């Protein structure tokens, strides 16, 4: 399984930023019991997850997933 991002604080975040904030478990992932500042569980986004909504990007050729912490591009999807 390949985690490409984590969700917390109502945004997506890259793996390095999430690990810096929550630490990592024995498998190298954010611990399952991690919670954000609003006591919500941290979610994982896997490479096969559809994190984008096609209708939300109507007219665009691609969708970009960026990190809400550092601003780096996590991944892009070609919508054409």
Protein backbone atom coordinates (compact mmCIF):
# COMPACT_ATOMS: atom_id res chain seq x y z
CA UNK A 1 0.00 0.00 0.00
CA UNK A 2 1.33 3.37 -0.96
CA UNK A 3 0.16 6.40 1.05
CA UNK A 4 0.61 9.57 -1.00
CA UNK A 5 -0.93 12.04 1.46
CA UNK A 6 -2.76 12.42 4.75
CA UNK A 7 -5.89 14.41 5.56
CA UNK A 8 -6.19 16.51 8.70
CA UNK A 9 -7.18 20.06 9.64
CA UNK A 10 -9.63 19.95 6.67
CA UNK A 11 -6.81 19.74 4.11
CA UNK A 12 -4.40 17.35 2.40
CA UNK A 13 -0.78 17.16 3.54
CA UNK A 14 2.28 15.42 2.10
CA UNK A 15 3.74 12.41 3.89
CA UNK A 16 6.87 14.22 5.20
CA UNK A 17 4.78 17.04 6.73
CA UNK A 18 2.35 14.59 8.32
CA UNK A 19 5.17 12.50 9.79
CA UNK A 20 6.83 15.64 11.15
CA UNK A 21 3.61 16.58 12.90
CA UNK A 22 2.38 13.19 14.19
CA UNK A 23 5.44 10.94 14.18
CA UNK A 24 5.43 7.44 12.73
CA UNK A 25 4.51 3.97 13.86
CA UNK A 26 6.62 0.80 13.50
CA UNK A 27 5.52 0.50 9.85
CA UNK A 28 6.56 4.05 8.94
CA UNK A 29 3.02 5.46 8.78
CA UNK A 30 1.26 8.10 10.87
CA UNK A 31 -0.06 6.25 13.96
CA UNK A 32 -3.67 5.04 13.61
CA UNK A 33 -4.73 6.88 16.77
CA UNK A 34 -3.40 10.28 15.60
CA UNK A 35 -5.87 13.16 15.84
CA UNK A 36 -5.73 16.68 14.48
CA UNK A 37 -6.33 19.86 16.48
CA UNK A 38 -10.11 19.34 16.34
CA UNK A 39 -9.89 15.74 17.66
CA UNK A 40 -10.62 14.31 14.19
CA UNK A 41 -8.74 11.19 13.11
CA UNK A 42 -5.97 11.60 10.56
CA UNK A 43 -6.90 9.95 7.25
CA UNK A 44 -4.66 8.34 4.65
CA UNK A 45 -4.92 8.93 0.89
CA UNK A 46 -3.64 6.02 -1.17
CA UNK A 47 -2.34 6.14 -4.75
CA UNK A 48 -5.57 4.55 -6.07
CA UNK A 49 -7.93 6.93 -4.21
CA UNK A 50 -9.87 9.46 -6.27
CA UNK A 51 -9.07 12.60 -4.29
CA UNK A 52 -10.39 14.86 -7.05
CA UNK A 53 -13.91 15.47 -8.32
CA UNK A 54 -14.09 15.46 -12.12
CA UNK A 55 -17.06 17.84 -12.24
CA UNK A 56 -15.24 20.30 -9.96
CA UNK A 57 -12.46 20.58 -12.56
CA UNK A 58 -14.64 20.81 -15.66
CA UNK A 59 -12.74 22.59 -18.39
CA UNK A 60 -9.33 21.88 -16.86
CA UNK A 61 -6.87 19.37 -18.29
CA UNK A 62 -5.53 18.22 -14.93
CA UNK A 63 -6.04 18.35 -11.18
CA UNK A 64 -3.26 19.02 -8.70
CA UNK A 65 -3.08 17.79 -5.11
CA UNK A 66 -0.98 20.15 -3.03
CA UNK A 67 0.22 20.02 0.57
CA UNK A 68 -1.64 22.33 2.95
CA UNK A 69 1.49 22.67 5.09
CA UNK A 70 4.47 23.20 2.79
CA UNK A 71 2.64 23.94 -0.48
CA UNK A 72 4.50 21.32 -2.52
CA UNK A 73 2.69 19.41 -5.27
CA UNK A 74 1.93 15.88 -4.06
CA UNK A 75 0.55 14.51 -7.33
CA UNK A 76 -1.36 15.48 -10.44
CA UNK A 77 -4.05 13.69 -12.45
CA UNK A 78 -4.66 14.11 -16.17
CA UNK A 79 -8.42 14.61 -16.61
CA UNK A 80 -8.42 14.48 -20.41
